[in-house]
Amino acid sequence: MTLFRRVLAAVVCTFWLNTAVFGQAGAIPVPNAGPFSNPYGRSFQWLANPQVQEELKLTDEQRDKIKQAQDEMTQKVRDLYKSQDVNERDFRKRQQVYRERIQALSDEAECKAEAILTRSQATRLRQIIRQAQLSWRSDGILAVLLEKEVSAGIQLMDDQRKQLRQEQADLQRERAEKAQEFYRRLQEEARERLLGVLTADQRHKLESLLGPKFEFEPPAAGDQLPGAPGDAKPK
């Protein structure tokens, strides 16, 4: 499965789960899709939330139009997922084609949402989304601060933009390092607790069964450990 299909499948799966669990599509917004835009657009994921609907005071007619538009976009995303018409062999170029198609769907979804909402409702929805993003990880906060309307409203300077991006890069690196250390300690604790059930003699016998210590070298980017799940390689 290609990267594009993985991302799009995750988005479709999340959208389907929202429908199954909450009774309507997109009751919880789809998470960040990495290098790809959200093909359902940003607004519809929030407009399906009952609390947001209540806050915006949507009419029954608007709710029906939103549901219809969501169904239309869902079908278009499924059609895109099934499409096999990209013949570009270069991975990056192929990825760019799909990225452009997803962006086009996202833009179309936003146009549909804007056509349904009043100006005051659209403004309030943007406020709600920004407030939610500010409670997410640092990338959500950065997205709000760099948003055109927000950066202009707070008169964000170019040097501040540069500083924000650098801070975000530092935060991502630090978060990865802290997460790695956390899971290392968690693994060590689990090992000690489980092996602690054994007697000293049993632990000695286990060491004999395991043989001399062997350590795997950290895999390079894109590599997988033997037996790790991954895409089937063509024979």
Protein backbone atom coordinates (compact mmCIF):
# COMPACT_ATOMS: atom_id res chain seq x y z
CA MET A 1 0.00 0.00 0.00
CA THR A 2 1.44 3.37 -1.00
CA LEU A 3 1.91 6.27 1.41
CA PHE A 4 -1.00 8.06 -0.24
CA ARG A 5 -3.30 5.10 0.21
CA ARG A 6 -2.22 4.68 3.83
CA VAL A 7 -3.02 8.29 4.65
CA LEU A 8 -6.26 8.34 2.73
CA ALA A 9 -7.33 5.00 4.17
CA ALA A 10 -6.69 6.34 7.68
CA VAL A 11 -8.83 9.39 6.96
CA VAL A 12 -11.63 7.31 5.45
CA CYS A 13 -11.43 4.85 8.36
CA THR A 14 -11.63 7.65 10.93
CA PHE A 15 -14.55 9.18 9.07
CA TRP A 16 -16.33 5.81 9.00
CA LEU A 17 -15.68 5.16 12.69
CA ASN A 18 -17.12 8.55 13.56
CA THR A 19 -20.24 7.64 11.63
CA ALA A 20 -20.54 4.26 13.34
CA VAL A 21 -19.85 5.47 16.87
CA PHE A 22 -21.49 8.88 16.89
CA GLY A 23 -24.23 8.28 14.36
CA GLN A 24 -23.00 10.90 11.94
CA ALA A 25 -19.90 11.50 9.89
CA GLY A 26 -17.06 13.45 11.35
CA ALA A 27 -18.35 13.96 14.89
CA ILE A 28 -14.69 14.17 15.89
CA PRO A 29 -12.35 15.99 13.50
CA VAL A 30 -9.90 13.88 11.55
CA PRO A 31 -6.34 14.26 12.84
CA ASN A 32 -3.56 15.82 10.91
CA ALA A 33 -2.88 13.90 7.71
CA GLY A 34 0.82 14.70 7.53
CA PRO A 35 1.96 16.02 4.17
CA PHE A 36 -1.54 15.72 2.75
CA SER A 37 -4.50 18.03 3.28
CA ASN A 38 -7.73 16.74 4.75
CA PRO A 39 -9.79 15.75 1.66
CA TYR A 40 -13.00 16.41 3.58
CA GLY A 41 -11.99 19.98 4.26
CA ARG A 42 -11.60 21.46 7.70
CA SER A 43 -15.07 22.85 8.30
CA PHE A 44 -17.21 19.76 7.75
CA GLN A 45 -15.32 17.78 10.36
CA TRP A 46 -16.39 20.31 12.95
CA LEU A 47 -19.85 21.03 11.59
CA ALA A 48 -20.82 17.41 12.28
CA ASN A 49 -20.16 17.91 15.99
CA PRO A 50 -23.47 18.41 17.89
CA GLN A 51 -21.92 21.00 20.24
CA VAL A 52 -20.65 23.04 17.32
CA GLN A 53 -24.00 22.78 15.58
CA GLU A 54 -25.70 24.08 18.71
CA GLU A 55 -23.19 26.92 19.14
CA LEU A 56 -23.71 28.02 15.53
CA LYS A 57 -27.49 27.67 15.83
CA LEU A 58 -27.74 25.74 12.59
CA THR A 59 -31.18 25.45 11.06
CA ASP A 60 -32.66 22.10 10.07
CA GLU A 61 -32.16 23.08 6.44
CA GLN A 62 -28.48 23.79 7.05
CA ARG A 63 -28.01 20.48 8.86
CA ASP A 64 -29.56 18.64 5.91
CA LYS A 65 -27.32 20.48 3.44
CA ILE A 66 -24.26 19.69 5.54
CA LYS A 67 -25.16 15.99 5.65
CA GLN A 68 -25.71 15.95 1.88
CA ALA A 69 -22.41 17.73 1.23
CA GLN A 70 -20.57 15.33 3.54
CA ASP A 71 -22.01 12.34 1.69
CA GLU A 72 -20.93 13.83 -1.63
CA MET A 73 -17.39 14.45 -0.39
CA THR A 74 -17.18 10.96 1.12
CA GLN A 75 -18.03 9.42 -2.25
CA LYS A 76 -15.45 11.58 -4.01
CA VAL A 77 -12.78 10.55 -1.51
CA ARG A 78 -13.66 6.90 -2.06
CA ASP A 79 -13.47 7.38 -5.82
CA LEU A 80 -10.06 8.99 -5.44
CA TYR A 81 -8.90 6.14 -3.22
CA LYS A 82 -9.92 3.62 -5.88
CA SER A 83 -8.42 5.58 -8.77
CA GLN A 84 -5.62 3.94 -10.71
CA ASP A 85 -5.08 6.61 -13.36
CA VAL A 86 -1.78 8.05 -12.12
CA ASN A 87 0.90 6.54 -14.32
CA GLU A 88 3.79 8.61 -13.00
CA ARG A 89 6.55 6.21 -11.92
CA ASP A 90 8.57 8.68 -9.88
CA PHE A 91 7.36 8.38 -6.27
CA ARG A 92 7.66 12.08 -5.45
CA LYS A 93 5.91 13.18 -8.61
CA ARG A 94 3.16 10.62 -8.04
CA GLN A 95 2.79 11.83 -4.47
CA GLN A 96 2.53 15.41 -5.71
CA VAL A 97 -0.29 14.46 -8.10
CA TYR A 98 -2.26 12.89 -5.28
CA ARG A 99 -1.49 15.81 -2.99
CA GLU A 100 -2.92 18.21 -5.56
CA ARG A 101 -6.04 16.10 -5.98
CA ILE A 102 -6.59 15.92 -2.25
CA GLN A 103 -6.08 19.67 -1.94
CA ALA A 104 -8.65 20.19 -4.68
CA LEU A 105 -11.17 18.08 -2.74
CA SER A 106 -10.36 19.99 0.43
CA ASP A 107 -10.92 23.33 -1.31
CA GLU A 108 -14.18 22.08 -2.80
CA ALA A 109 -15.38 20.96 0.63
CA GLU A 110 -14.58 24.37 2.13
CA CYS A 111 -16.48 26.14 -0.64
CA LYS A 112 -19.49 23.94 0.05
CA ALA A 113 -19.33 24.72 3.76
CA GLU A 114 -19.03 28.47 3.18
CA ALA A 115 -22.05 28.36 0.89
CA ILE A 116 -24.15 26.76 3.64
CA LEU A 117 -23.13 28.99 6.56
CA THR A 118 -23.93 32.62 7.14
CA ARG A 119 -21.02 35.04 7.48
CA SER A 120 -21.37 35.20 11.27
CA GLN A 121 -21.57 31.41 11.52
CA ALA A 122 -18.43 31.01 9.39
CA THR A 123 -16.58 33.50 11.58
CA ARG A 124 -17.63 31.75 14.77
CA LEU A 125 -16.65 28.36 13.33
CA ARG A 126 -13.15 29.61 12.57
CA GLN A 127 -12.88 30.87 16.15
CA ILE A 128 -13.95 27.50 17.54
CA ILE A 129 -11.46 25.62 15.36
CA ARG A 130 -8.62 27.91 16.38
CA GLN A 131 -9.43 27.52 20.06
CA ALA A 132 -9.36 23.75 19.66
CA GLN A 133 -6.07 23.83 17.74
CA LEU A 134 -4.46 25.88 20.50
CA SER A 135 -5.15 22.99 22.88
CA TRP A 136 -3.45 20.47 20.57
CA ARG A 137 0.22 19.79 20.09
CA SER A 138 2.68 22.49 19.12
CA ASP A 139 2.01 22.00 15.40
CA GLY A 140 -1.64 22.96 15.99
CA ILE A 141 -0.59 26.10 17.83
CA LEU A 142 1.86 26.99 15.08
CA ALA A 143 -0.82 26.52 12.42
CA VAL A 144 -3.07 29.02 14.20
CA LEU A 145 -0.34 31.62 14.63
CA LEU A 146 0.77 31.36 11.00
CA GLU A 147 -2.76 31.39 9.60
CA LYS A 148 -3.07 34.39 7.28
CA GLU A 149 -5.98 36.05 9.08
CA VAL A 150 -4.49 35.50 12.53
CA SER A 151 -0.93 36.57 11.68
CA ALA A 152 -2.29 39.73 10.08
CA GLY A 153 -4.59 40.41 13.02
CA ILE A 154 -1.79 40.17 15.58
CA GLN A 155 0.71 41.85 13.24
CA LEU A 156 3.15 38.96 13.33
CA MET A 157 6.61 40.03 12.15
CA ASP A 158 8.77 38.07 9.70
CA ASP A 159 11.46 37.46 12.30
CA GLN A 160 8.77 36.10 14.63
CA ARG A 161 7.58 33.70 11.92
CA LYS A 162 11.11 32.45 11.54
CA GLN A 163 11.49 32.10 15.30
CA LEU A 164 8.19 30.23 15.58
CA ARG A 165 9.24 27.71 12.93
CA GLN A 166 12.58 27.19 14.63
CA GLU A 167 10.90 26.70 18.00
CA GLN A 168 8.56 24.16 16.43
CA ALA A 169 11.49 22.25 14.93
CA ASP A 170 13.23 22.24 18.33
CA LEU A 171 10.04 21.09 20.07
CA GLN A 172 9.57 18.22 17.62
CA ARG A 173 13.13 17.05 18.19
CA GLU A 174 12.84 17.34 21.96
CA ARG A 175 9.48 15.55 21.95
CA ALA A 176 10.95 12.66 19.95
CA GLU A 177 13.95 12.40 22.30
CA LYS A 178 11.76 12.47 25.42
CA ALA A 179 9.37 9.91 23.96
CA GLN A 180 12.27 7.59 23.11
CA GLU A 181 13.68 7.87 26.62
CA PHE A 182 10.23 7.34 28.18
CA TYR A 183 9.58 4.13 26.26
CA ARG A 184 13.10 2.88 26.97
CA ARG A 185 12.51 3.27 30.69
CA LEU A 186 9.05 1.72 30.38
CA GLN A 187 10.55 -1.29 28.60
CA GLU A 188 13.23 -1.68 31.25
CA GLU A 189 10.63 -1.51 34.02
CA ALA A 190 8.46 -4.11 32.30
CA ARG A 191 11.45 -6.39 31.82
CA GLU A 192 12.49 -6.15 35.47
CA ARG A 193 8.97 -6.71 36.80
CA LEU A 194 8.36 -9.77 34.66
CA LEU A 195 11.77 -11.30 35.18
CA GLY A 196 11.47 -10.47 38.86
CA VAL A 197 8.89 -13.23 39.16
CA LEU A 198 11.63 -15.78 38.40
CA THR A 199 13.99 -17.19 41.00
CA ALA A 200 17.73 -16.53 40.70
CA ASP A 201 18.22 -20.08 39.43
CA GLN A 202 15.49 -19.65 36.81
CA ARG A 203 17.02 -16.40 35.61
CA HIS A 204 20.40 -18.10 35.30
CA LYS A 205 18.86 -20.91 33.24
CA LEU A 206 17.06 -18.35 31.07
CA GLU A 207 20.37 -16.60 30.34
CA SER A 208 21.84 -19.93 29.27
CA LEU A 209 18.90 -20.55 26.93
CA LEU A 210 19.25 -17.10 25.38
CA GLY A 211 22.96 -17.48 24.70
CA PRO A 212 25.49 -14.66 24.18
CA LYS A 213 23.97 -11.19 24.03
CA PHE A 214 23.14 -9.89 20.55
CA GLU A 215 22.15 -6.28 19.92
CA PHE A 216 20.45 -4.97 16.80
CA GLU A 217 21.84 -1.76 15.38
CA PRO A 218 19.29 1.07 15.15
CA PRO A 219 17.55 0.79 11.75
CA ALA A 220 18.23 3.49 9.20
CA ALA A 221 15.35 5.70 8.08
CA GLY A 222 12.89 3.64 6.07
CA ASP A 223 14.39 0.29 7.13
CA GLN A 224 12.46 -2.35 9.04
CA LEU A 225 13.53 -4.97 11.52
CA PRO A 226 13.26 -8.57 10.29
CA GLY A 227 9.68 -9.78 10.60
CA ALA A 228 8.25 -6.27 11.00
CA PRO A 229 4.97 -5.69 9.17
CA GLY A 230 5.16 -3.67 6.01
CA ASP A 231 4.23 -3.50 2.38
CA ALA A 232 4.67 -6.71 0.47
CA LYS A 233 7.53 -6.34 -1.97
CA PRO A 234 6.95 -7.50 -5.52
CA LYS A 235 8.77 -10.67 -6.47
